[in-house]
């Protein structure tokens, strides 16, 4: 709990927390990296099983159902699918529009 942390660990540094359409999250990730602002983004992926067996929610090595859905902006750097592709209910890879 925050109230149990020493006050010298608290900062006034802004942090971005966001969920929404993936193109918006891509823009926010870029903003965070350009301005060195910490951020956590909630990534949406279709999840069939919800506990990592089916791989439907895979995002370049991460399983959104297990490793997310909230990721630090640094975790999303260099991911091939983030902002570019997602999977349909049938598992087909589709472009993000």
PDB file of N, CA and C in Angstrom:
ATOM      1  N   UNK A   1       0.827  -1.179   0.000  1.00  0.00           N
ATOM      2  CA  UNK A   1       0.000   0.000   0.000  1.00  0.00           C
ATOM      3  C   UNK A   1       0.875   1.246   0.000  1.00  0.00           C
ATOM      4  N   UNK A   2       0.397   2.258  -0.689  1.00  0.00           N
ATOM      5  CA  UNK A   2       1.133   3.511  -0.807  1.00  0.00           C
ATOM      6  C   UNK A   2       1.402   4.127   0.556  1.00  0.00           C
ATOM      7  N   UNK A   3       0.476   4.025   1.471  1.00  0.00           N
ATOM      8  CA  UNK A   3       0.647   4.653   2.788  1.00  0.00           C
ATOM      9  C   UNK A   3       1.749   3.996   3.605  1.00  0.00           C
ATOM     10  N   UNK A   4       2.181   2.807   3.220  1.00  0.00           N
ATOM     11  CA  UNK A   4       3.247   2.125   3.949  1.00  0.00           C
ATOM     12  C   UNK A   4       4.630   2.403   3.377  1.00  0.00           C
ATOM     13  N   UNK A   5       4.706   3.103   2.253  1.00  0.00           N
ATOM     14  CA  UNK A   5       5.992   3.394   1.639  1.00  0.00           C
ATOM     15  C   UNK A   5       6.619   4.623   2.280  1.00  0.00           C
ATOM     16  N   UNK A   6       7.954   4.605   2.432  1.00  0.00           N
ATOM     17  CA  UNK A   6       8.616   5.808   2.935  1.00  0.00           C
ATOM     18  C   UNK A   6       8.387   6.983   1.985  1.00  0.00           C
ATOM     19  N   UNK A   7       8.202   8.156   2.531  1.00  0.00           N
ATOM     20  CA  UNK A   7       7.893   9.320   1.694  1.00  0.00           C
ATOM     21  C   UNK A   7       9.044   9.705   0.781  1.00  0.00           C
ATOM     22  N   UNK A   8      10.271   9.297   1.075  1.00  0.00           N
ATOM     23  CA  UNK A   8      11.373   9.638   0.178  1.00  0.00           C
ATOM     24  C   UNK A   8      11.323   8.838  -1.125  1.00  0.00           C
ATOM     25  N   UNK A   9      10.473   7.819  -1.216  1.00  0.00           N
ATOM     26  CA  UNK A   9      10.320   7.059  -2.451  1.00  0.00           C
ATOM     27  C   UNK A   9       9.225   7.641  -3.345  1.00  0.00           C
ATOM     28  N   UNK A  10       8.471   8.581  -2.842  1.00  0.00           N
ATOM     29  CA  UNK A  10       7.403   9.193  -3.623  1.00  0.00           C
ATOM     30  C   UNK A  10       7.979  10.334  -4.449  1.00  0.00           C
ATOM     31  N   UNK A  11       7.466  10.498  -5.658  1.00  0.00           N
ATOM     32  CA  UNK A  11       7.942  11.576  -6.526  1.00  0.00           C
ATOM     33  C   UNK A  11       6.757  12.357  -7.064  1.00  0.00           C
ATOM     34  N   UNK A  12       7.063  13.501  -7.608  1.00  0.00           N
ATOM     35  CA  UNK A  12       6.042  14.315  -8.281  1.00  0.00           C
ATOM     36  C   UNK A  12       6.099  14.120  -9.787  1.00  0.00           C
ATOM     37  N   UNK A  13       6.853  13.135 -10.246  1.00  0.00           N
ATOM     38  CA  UNK A  13       6.991  12.895 -11.670  1.00  0.00           C
ATOM     39  C   UNK A  13       5.665  12.393 -12.241  1.00  0.00           C
ATOM     40  N   UNK A  14       5.221  12.986 -13.344  1.00  0.00           N
ATOM     41  CA  UNK A  14       3.970  12.512 -13.952  1.00  0.00           C
ATOM     42  C   UNK A  14       4.155  11.116 -14.543  1.00  0.00           C
ATOM     43  N   UNK A  15       3.099  10.365 -14.544  1.00  0.00           N
ATOM     44  CA  UNK A  15       3.080   9.039 -15.157  1.00  0.00           C
ATOM     45  C   UNK A  15       1.811   8.939 -15.985  1.00  0.00           C
ATOM     46  N   UNK A  16       1.931   8.326 -17.154  1.00  0.00           N
ATOM     47  CA  UNK A  16       0.772   8.152 -18.030  1.00  0.00           C
ATOM     48  C   UNK A  16       0.223   6.741 -17.847  1.00  0.00           C
ATOM     49  N   UNK A  17      -1.070   6.654 -17.593  1.00  0.00           N
ATOM     50  CA  UNK A  17      -1.797   5.388 -17.526  1.00  0.00           C
ATOM     51  C   UNK A  17      -2.897   5.483 -18.571  1.00  0.00           C
ATOM     52  N   UNK A  18      -2.970   4.490 -19.473  1.00  0.00           N
ATOM     53  CA  UNK A  18      -3.957   4.617 -20.542  1.00  0.00           C
ATOM     54  C   UNK A  18      -4.470   3.267 -21.016  1.00  0.00           C
ATOM     55  N   UNK A  19      -5.719   3.299 -21.476  1.00  0.00           N
ATOM     56  CA  UNK A  19      -6.293   2.193 -22.223  1.00  0.00           C
ATOM     57  C   UNK A  19      -7.093   2.829 -23.344  1.00  0.00           C
ATOM     58  N   UNK A  20      -7.252   2.111 -24.427  1.00  0.00           N
ATOM     59  CA  UNK A  20      -7.988   2.663 -25.551  1.00  0.00           C
ATOM     60  C   UNK A  20      -7.562   1.991 -26.837  1.00  0.00           C
ATOM     61  N   UNK A  21      -7.927   2.587 -27.969  1.00  0.00           N
ATOM     62  CA  UNK A  21      -7.565   2.009 -29.265  1.00  0.00           C
ATOM     63  C   UNK A  21      -6.041   1.928 -29.409  1.00  0.00           C
ATOM     64  N   UNK A  22      -5.578   0.868 -30.034  1.00  0.00           N
ATOM     65  CA  UNK A  22      -4.133   0.655 -30.124  1.00  0.00           C
ATOM     66  C   UNK A  22      -3.381   1.767 -30.850  1.00  0.00           C
ATOM     67  N   UNK A  23      -3.918   2.372 -31.919  1.00  0.00           N
ATOM     68  CA  UNK A  23      -3.191   3.498 -32.522  1.00  0.00           C
ATOM     69  C   UNK A  23      -2.956   4.643 -31.521  1.00  0.00           C
ATOM     70  N   UNK A  24      -3.906   4.873 -30.634  1.00  0.00           N
ATOM     71  CA  UNK A  24      -3.730   5.893 -29.598  1.00  0.00           C
ATOM     72  C   UNK A  24      -2.626   5.473 -28.624  1.00  0.00           C
ATOM     73  N   UNK A  25      -2.597   4.196 -28.247  1.00  0.00           N
ATOM     74  CA  UNK A  25      -1.568   3.704 -27.335  1.00  0.00           C
ATOM     75  C   UNK A  25      -0.181   3.804 -27.959  1.00  0.00           C
ATOM     76  N   UNK A  26      -0.090   3.567 -29.260  1.00  0.00           N
ATOM     77  CA  UNK A  26       1.190   3.712 -29.965  1.00  0.00           C
ATOM     78  C   UNK A  26       1.677   5.155 -29.867  1.00  0.00           C
ATOM     79  N   UNK A  27       0.769   6.102 -30.083  1.00  0.00           N
ATOM     80  CA  UNK A  27       1.136   7.524 -29.988  1.00  0.00           C
ATOM     81  C   UNK A  27       1.549   7.887 -28.564  1.00  0.00           C
ATOM     82  N   UNK A  28       0.860   7.364 -27.570  1.00  0.00           N
ATOM     83  CA  UNK A  28       1.223   7.638 -26.179  1.00  0.00           C
ATOM     84  C   UNK A  28       2.566   7.013 -25.812  1.00  0.00           C
ATOM     85  N   UNK A  29       2.830   5.822 -26.329  1.00  0.00           N
ATOM     86  CA  UNK A  29       4.128   5.194 -26.075  1.00  0.00           C
ATOM     87  C   UNK A  29       5.247   6.055 -26.646  1.00  0.00           C
ATOM     88  N   UNK A  30       5.044   6.554 -27.845  1.00  0.00           N
ATOM     89  CA  UNK A  30       6.032   7.430 -28.482  1.00  0.00           C
ATOM     90  C   UNK A  30       6.251   8.695 -27.648  1.00  0.00           C
ATOM     91  N   UNK A  31       5.162   9.294 -27.175  1.00  0.00           N
ATOM     92  CA  UNK A  31       5.251  10.494 -26.340  1.00  0.00           C
ATOM     93  C   UNK A  31       6.029  10.207 -25.052  1.00  0.00           C
ATOM     94  N   UNK A  32       5.728   9.096 -24.417  1.00  0.00           N
ATOM     95  CA  UNK A  32       6.438   8.722 -23.183  1.00  0.00           C
ATOM     96  C   UNK A  32       7.931   8.566 -23.432  1.00  0.00           C
ATOM     97  N   UNK A  33       8.290   7.909 -24.515  1.00  0.00           N
ATOM     98  CA  UNK A  33       9.700   7.670 -24.815  1.00  0.00           C
ATOM     99  C   UNK A  33      10.413   8.974 -25.178  1.00  0.00           C
ATOM    100  N   UNK A  34       9.763   9.846 -25.951  1.00  0.00           N
ATOM    101  CA  UNK A  34      10.376  11.119 -26.350  1.00  0.00           C
ATOM    102  C   UNK A  34      10.612  12.033 -25.160  1.00  0.00           C
ATOM    103  N   UNK A  35       9.707  12.023 -24.209  1.00  0.00           N
ATOM    104  CA  UNK A  35       9.782  12.952 -23.071  1.00  0.00           C
ATOM    105  C   UNK A  35      10.226  12.281 -21.775  1.00  0.00           C
ATOM    106  N   UNK A  36      10.671  11.035 -21.884  1.00  0.00           N
ATOM    107  CA  UNK A  36      11.090  10.229 -20.725  1.00  0.00           C
ATOM    108  C   UNK A  36      10.086  10.289 -19.572  1.00  0.00           C
ATOM    109  N   UNK A  37       8.839  10.048 -19.923  1.00  0.00           N
ATOM    110  CA  UNK A  37       7.754   9.973 -18.943  1.00  0.00           C
ATOM    111  C   UNK A  37       7.422   8.497 -18.750  1.00  0.00           C
ATOM    112  N   UNK A  38       7.392   8.012 -17.520  1.00  0.00           N
ATOM    113  CA  UNK A  38       6.985   6.622 -17.319  1.00  0.00           C
ATOM    114  C   UNK A  38       5.523   6.437 -17.722  1.00  0.00           C
ATOM    115  N   UNK A  39       5.214   5.270 -18.219  1.00  0.00           N
ATOM    116  CA  UNK A  39       3.836   5.011 -18.607  1.00  0.00           C
ATOM    117  C   UNK A  39       3.491   3.541 -18.546  1.00  0.00           C
ATOM    118  N   UNK A  40       2.223   3.281 -18.339  1.00  0.00           N
ATOM    119  CA  UNK A  40       1.688   1.931 -18.373  1.00  0.00           C
ATOM    120  C   UNK A  40       0.463   1.942 -19.271  1.00  0.00           C
ATOM    121  N   UNK A  41       0.460   1.040 -20.238  1.00  0.00           N
ATOM    122  CA  UNK A  41      -0.607   0.997 -21.229  1.00  0.00           C
ATOM    123  C   UNK A  41      -1.311  -0.352 -21.166  1.00  0.00           C
ATOM    124  N   UNK A  42      -2.630  -0.322 -21.198  1.00  0.00           N
ATOM    125  CA  UNK A  42      -3.431  -1.539 -21.170  1.00  0.00           C
ATOM    126  C   UNK A  42      -3.721  -1.968 -22.609  1.00  0.00           C
ATOM    127  N   UNK A  43      -3.151  -3.091 -23.006  1.00  0.00           N
ATOM    128  CA  UNK A  43      -3.256  -3.588 -24.376  1.00  0.00           C
ATOM    129  C   UNK A  43      -4.417  -4.573 -24.466  1.00  0.00           C
ATOM    130  N   UNK A  44      -5.222  -4.417 -25.497  1.00  0.00           N
ATOM    131  CA  UNK A  44      -6.368  -5.305 -25.687  1.00  0.00           C
ATOM    132  C   UNK A  44      -6.046  -6.352 -26.745  1.00  0.00           C
ATOM    133  N   UNK A  45      -6.238  -7.592 -26.414  1.00  0.00           N
ATOM    134  CA  UNK A  45      -6.095  -8.707 -27.340  1.00  0.00           C
ATOM    135  C   UNK A  45      -7.234  -9.681 -27.092  1.00  0.00           C
ATOM    136  N   UNK A  46      -7.644 -10.386 -28.147  1.00  0.00           N
ATOM    137  CA  UNK A  46      -8.677 -11.410 -28.016  1.00  0.00           C
ATOM    138  C   UNK A  46      -8.116 -12.558 -27.188  1.00  0.00           C
ATOM    139  N   UNK A  47      -8.811 -12.941 -26.131  1.00  0.00           N
ATOM    140  CA  UNK A  47      -8.343 -14.015 -25.251  1.00  0.00           C
ATOM    141  C   UNK A  47      -9.371 -15.138 -25.237  1.00  0.00           C
ATOM    142  N   UNK A  48      -8.944 -16.315 -25.648  1.00  0.00           N
ATOM    143  CA  UNK A  48      -9.854 -17.461 -25.635  1.00  0.00           C
ATOM    144  C   UNK A  48      -9.831 -18.161 -24.285  1.00  0.00           C
ATOM    145  N   UNK A  49      -8.651 -18.563 -23.841  1.00  0.00           N
ATOM    146  CA  UNK A  49      -8.585 -19.375 -22.615  1.00  0.00           C
ATOM    147  C   UNK A  49      -8.377 -18.527 -21.368  1.00  0.00           C
ATOM    148  N   UNK A  50      -7.635 -17.446 -21.474  1.00  0.00           N
ATOM    149  CA  UNK A  50      -7.405 -16.569 -20.334  1.00  0.00           C
ATOM    150  C   UNK A  50      -6.310 -17.015 -19.382  1.00  0.00           C
ATOM    151  N   UNK A  51      -5.624 -18.126 -19.684  1.00  0.00           N
ATOM    152  CA  UNK A  51      -4.539 -18.539 -18.790  1.00  0.00           C
ATOM    153  C   UNK A  51      -3.312 -19.067 -19.525  1.00  0.00           C
ATOM    154  N   UNK A  52      -3.122 -18.670 -20.785  1.00  0.00           N
ATOM    155  CA  UNK A  52      -1.860 -18.888 -21.477  1.00  0.00           C
ATOM    156  C   UNK A  52      -1.680 -20.144 -22.292  1.00  0.00           C
ATOM    157  N   UNK A  53      -2.708 -20.954 -22.442  1.00  0.00           N
ATOM    158  CA  UNK A  53      -2.541 -22.206 -23.184  1.00  0.00           C
ATOM    159  C   UNK A  53      -2.750 -22.024 -24.687  1.00  0.00           C
ATOM    160  N   UNK A  54      -3.748 -21.250 -25.081  1.00  0.00           N
ATOM    161  CA  UNK A  54      -4.113 -21.187 -26.499  1.00  0.00           C
ATOM    162  C   UNK A  54      -3.192 -20.289 -27.330  1.00  0.00           C
ATOM    163  N   UNK A  55      -2.561 -19.304 -26.725  1.00  0.00           N
ATOM    164  CA  UNK A  55      -1.679 -18.406 -27.469  1.00  0.00           C
ATOM    165  C   UNK A  55      -2.400 -17.365 -28.305  1.00  0.00           C
ATOM    166  N   UNK A  56      -3.701 -17.302 -28.209  1.00  0.00           N
ATOM    167  CA  UNK A  56      -4.498 -16.365 -28.994  1.00  0.00           C
ATOM    168  C   UNK A  56      -4.109 -14.915 -28.726  1.00  0.00           C
ATOM    169  N   UNK A  57      -3.706 -14.623 -27.514  1.00  0.00           N
ATOM    170  CA  UNK A  57      -3.415 -13.239 -27.133  1.00  0.00           C
ATOM    171  C   UNK A  57      -1.925 -12.913 -27.222  1.00  0.00           C
ATOM    172  N   UNK A  58      -1.150 -13.746 -27.930  1.00  0.00           N
ATOM    173  CA  UNK A  58       0.298 -13.541 -28.030  1.00  0.00           C
ATOM    174  C   UNK A  58       0.620 -12.190 -28.656  1.00  0.00           C
ATOM    175  N   UNK A  59       1.587 -11.535 -28.054  1.00  0.00           N
ATOM    176  CA  UNK A  59       2.071 -10.242 -28.544  1.00  0.00           C
ATOM    177  C   UNK A  59       3.590 -10.309 -28.527  1.00  0.00           C
ATOM    178  N   UNK A  60       4.157 -10.842 -29.615  1.00  0.00           N
ATOM    179  CA  UNK A  60       5.616 -10.927 -29.761  1.00  0.00           C
ATOM    180  C   UNK A  60       6.309 -11.507 -28.532  1.00  0.00           C
ATOM    181  N   UNK A  61       5.875 -12.669 -28.102  1.00  0.00           N
ATOM    182  CA  UNK A  61       6.527 -13.328 -26.978  1.00  0.00           C
ATOM    183  C   UNK A  61       5.832 -13.137 -25.641  1.00  0.00           C
ATOM    184  N   UNK A  62       5.030 -12.117 -25.529  1.00  0.00           N
ATOM    185  CA  UNK A  62       4.233 -11.912 -24.316  1.00  0.00           C
ATOM    186  C   UNK A  62       2.871 -12.557 -24.518  1.00  0.00           C
ATOM    187  N   UNK A  63       2.294 -13.064 -23.454  1.00  0.00           N
ATOM    188  CA  UNK A  63       0.901 -13.491 -23.469  1.00  0.00           C
ATOM    189  C   UNK A  63       0.133 -12.442 -22.683  1.00  0.00           C
ATOM    190  N   UNK A  64      -0.742 -11.718 -23.369  1.00  0.00           N
ATOM    191  CA  UNK A  64      -1.453 -10.612 -22.731  1.00  0.00           C
ATOM    192  C   UNK A  64      -2.266 -11.108 -21.538  1.00  0.00           C
ATOM    193  N   UNK A  65      -2.814 -12.323 -21.625  1.00  0.00           N
ATOM    194  CA  UNK A  65      -3.618 -12.845 -20.513  1.00  0.00           C
ATOM    195  C   UNK A  65      -2.773 -13.162 -19.284  1.00  0.00           C
ATOM    196  N   UNK A  66      -1.490 -13.421 -19.463  1.00  0.00           N
ATOM    197  CA  UNK A  66      -0.611 -13.769 -18.346  1.00  0.00           C
ATOM    198  C   UNK A  66       0.338 -12.634 -17.968  1.00  0.00           C
ATOM    199  N   UNK A  67       0.938 -11.999 -18.961  1.00  0.00           N
ATOM    200  CA  UNK A  67       1.955 -10.966 -18.730  1.00  0.00           C
ATOM    201  C   UNK A  67       1.360  -9.571 -18.636  1.00  0.00           C
ATOM    202  N   UNK A  68       0.132  -9.411 -19.040  1.00  0.00           N
ATOM    203  CA  UNK A  68      -0.527  -8.116 -19.060  1.00  0.00           C
ATOM    204  C   UNK A  68      -1.863  -8.225 -18.375  1.00  0.00           C
ATOM    205  N   UNK A  69      -2.806  -7.462 -18.823  1.00  0.00           N
ATOM    206  CA  UNK A  69      -2.838  -6.668 -20.049  1.00  0.00           C
ATOM    207  C   UNK A  69      -2.107  -5.332 -19.950  1.00  0.00           C
ATOM    208  N   UNK A  70      -1.645  -4.961 -18.757  1.00  0.00           N
ATOM    209  CA  UNK A  70      -0.961  -3.676 -18.600  1.00  0.00           C
ATOM    210  C   UNK A  70       0.543  -3.895 -18.739  1.00  0.00           C
ATOM    211  N   UNK A  71       1.163  -3.091 -19.612  1.00  0.00           N
ATOM    212  CA  UNK A  71       2.596  -3.178 -19.868  1.00  0.00           C
ATOM    213  C   UNK A  71       3.240  -1.815 -19.676  1.00  0.00           C
ATOM    214  N   UNK A  72       4.466  -1.819 -19.147  1.00  0.00           N
ATOM    215  CA  UNK A  72       5.258  -0.593 -19.122  1.00  0.00           C
ATOM    216  C   UNK A  72       5.618  -0.244 -20.561  1.00  0.00           C
ATOM    217  N   UNK A  73       5.766   1.048 -20.857  1.00  0.00           N
ATOM    218  CA  UNK A  73       6.068   1.455 -22.231  1.00  0.00           C
ATOM    219  C   UNK A  73       7.354   0.804 -22.739  1.00  0.00           C
ATOM    220  N   UNK A  74       8.325   0.582 -21.859  1.00  0.00           N
ATOM    221  CA  UNK A  74       9.587  -0.037 -22.279  1.00  0.00           C
ATOM    222  C   UNK A  74       9.374  -1.457 -22.792  1.00  0.00           C
ATOM    223  N   UNK A  75       8.410  -2.169 -22.228  1.00  0.00           N
ATOM    224  CA  UNK A  75       8.131  -3.535 -22.665  1.00  0.00           C
ATOM    225  C   UNK A  75       7.588  -3.561 -24.090  1.00  0.00           C
ATOM    226  N   UNK A  76       6.963  -2.491 -24.524  1.00  0.00           N
ATOM    227  CA  UNK A  76       6.335  -2.460 -25.842  1.00  0.00           C
ATOM    228  C   UNK A  76       7.287  -1.995 -26.940  1.00  0.00           C
ATOM    229  N   UNK A  77       8.474  -1.516 -26.573  1.00  0.00           N
ATOM    230  CA  UNK A  77       9.454  -1.076 -27.567  1.00  0.00           C
ATOM    231  C   UNK A  77       9.874  -2.237 -28.457  1.00  0.00           C
ATOM    232  N   UNK A  78       9.854  -2.012 -29.754  1.00  0.00           N
ATOM    233  CA  UNK A  78      10.362  -2.991 -30.697  1.00  0.00           C
ATOM    234  C   UNK A  78       9.471  -4.187 -30.956  1.00  0.00           C
ATOM    235  N   UNK A  79       8.271  -4.204 -30.402  1.00  0.00           N
ATOM    236  CA  UNK A  79       7.377  -5.330 -30.673  1.00  0.00           C
ATOM    237  C   UNK A  79       6.804  -5.192 -32.076  1.00  0.00           C
ATOM    238  N   UNK A  80       6.897  -6.259 -32.840  1.00  0.00           N
ATOM    239  CA  UNK A  80       6.484  -6.242 -34.243  1.00  0.00           C
ATOM    240  C   UNK A  80       4.977  -6.031 -34.407  1.00  0.00           C
ATOM    241  N   UNK A  81       4.179  -6.666 -33.546  1.00  0.00           N
ATOM    242  CA  UNK A  81       2.726  -6.603 -33.712  1.00  0.00           C
ATOM    243  C   UNK A  81       2.072  -5.396 -33.049  1.00  0.00           C
ATOM    244  N   UNK A  82       2.699  -4.820 -32.031  1.00  0.00           N
ATOM    245  CA  UNK A  82       2.064  -3.708 -31.314  1.00  0.00           C
ATOM    246  C   UNK A  82       1.847  -2.538 -32.266  1.00  0.00           C
ATOM    247  N   UNK A  83       0.586  -2.176 -32.447  1.00  0.00           N
ATOM    248  CA  UNK A  83       0.234  -1.081 -33.341  1.00  0.00           C
ATOM    249  C   UNK A  83       0.094  -1.477 -34.794  1.00  0.00           C
ATOM    250  N   UNK A  84       0.389  -2.750 -35.111  1.00  0.00           N
ATOM    251  CA  UNK A  84       0.349  -3.180 -36.506  1.00  0.00           C
ATOM    252  C   UNK A  84      -0.609  -4.333 -36.774  1.00  0.00           C
ATOM    253  N   UNK A  85      -0.696  -5.295 -35.844  1.00  0.00           N
ATOM    254  CA  UNK A  85      -1.516  -6.481 -36.115  1.00  0.00           C
ATOM    255  C   UNK A  85      -2.122  -7.033 -34.829  1.00  0.00           C
ATOM    256  N   UNK A  86      -3.235  -7.717 -35.005  1.00  0.00           N
ATOM    257  CA  UNK A  86      -3.893  -8.431 -33.907  1.00  0.00           C
ATOM    258  C   UNK A  86      -4.468  -9.714 -34.489  1.00  0.00           C
ATOM    259  N   UNK A  87      -5.054 -10.551 -33.649  1.00  0.00           N
ATOM    260  CA  UNK A  87      -5.634 -11.804 -34.129  1.00  0.00           C
ATOM    261  C   UNK A  87      -7.152 -11.784 -33.960  1.00  0.00           C
ATOM    262  N   UNK A  88      -7.825 -12.353 -34.952  1.00  0.00           N
ATOM    263  CA  UNK A  88      -9.284 -12.455 -34.888  1.00  0.00           C
ATOM    264  C   UNK A  88      -9.662 -13.613 -33.970  1.00  0.00           C
ATOM    265  N   UNK A  89     -10.958 -13.829 -33.795  1.00  0.00           N
ATOM    266  CA  UNK A  89     -11.443 -14.935 -32.961  1.00  0.00           C
ATOM    267  C   UNK A  89     -11.016 -16.287 -33.523  1.00  0.00           C
ATOM    268  N   UNK A  90     -10.770 -16.347 -34.827  1.00  0.00           N
ATOM    269  CA  UNK A  90     -10.333 -17.602 -35.447  1.00  0.00           C
ATOM    270  C   UNK A  90      -8.815 -17.763 -35.414  1.00  0.00           C
ATOM    271  N   UNK A  91      -8.101 -16.759 -34.942  1.00  0.00           N
ATOM    272  CA  UNK A  91      -6.645 -16.828 -34.867  1.00  0.00           C
ATOM    273  C   UNK A  91      -5.928 -16.215 -36.048  1.00  0.00           C
ATOM    274  N   UNK A  92      -6.695 -15.700 -37.004  1.00  0.00           N
ATOM    275  CA  UNK A  92      -6.096 -15.071 -38.176  1.00  0.00           C
ATOM    276  C   UNK A  92      -5.438 -13.748 -37.808  1.00  0.00           C
ATOM    277  N   UNK A  93      -4.239 -13.505 -38.321  1.00  0.00           N
ATOM    278  CA  UNK A  93      -3.519 -12.253 -38.072  1.00  0.00           C
ATOM    279  C   UNK A  93      -4.099 -11.180 -38.993  1.00  0.00           C
ATOM    280  N   UNK A  94      -4.560 -10.081 -38.390  1.00  0.00           N
ATOM    281  CA  UNK A  94      -5.198  -9.002 -39.142  1.00  0.00           C
ATOM    282  C   UNK A  94      -4.498  -7.683 -38.856  1.00  0.00           C
ATOM    283  N   UNK A  95      -4.465  -6.792 -39.848  1.00  0.00           N
ATOM    284  CA  UNK A  95      -3.857  -5.476 -39.600  1.00  0.00           C
ATOM    285  C   UNK A  95      -4.746  -4.625 -38.702  1.00  0.00           C
ATOM    286  N   UNK A  96      -4.107  -3.779 -37.912  1.00  0.00           N
ATOM    287  CA  UNK A  96      -4.852  -2.810 -37.099  1.00  0.00           C
ATOM    288  C   UNK A  96      -5.073  -1.583 -37.956  1.00  0.00           C
ATOM    289  N   UNK A  97      -6.297  -1.132 -37.999  1.00  0.00           N
ATOM    290  CA  UNK A  97      -6.628   0.038 -38.832  1.00  0.00           C
ATOM    291  C   UNK A  97      -6.777   1.256 -37.987  1.00  0.00           C
TER     292      UNK A  97
END
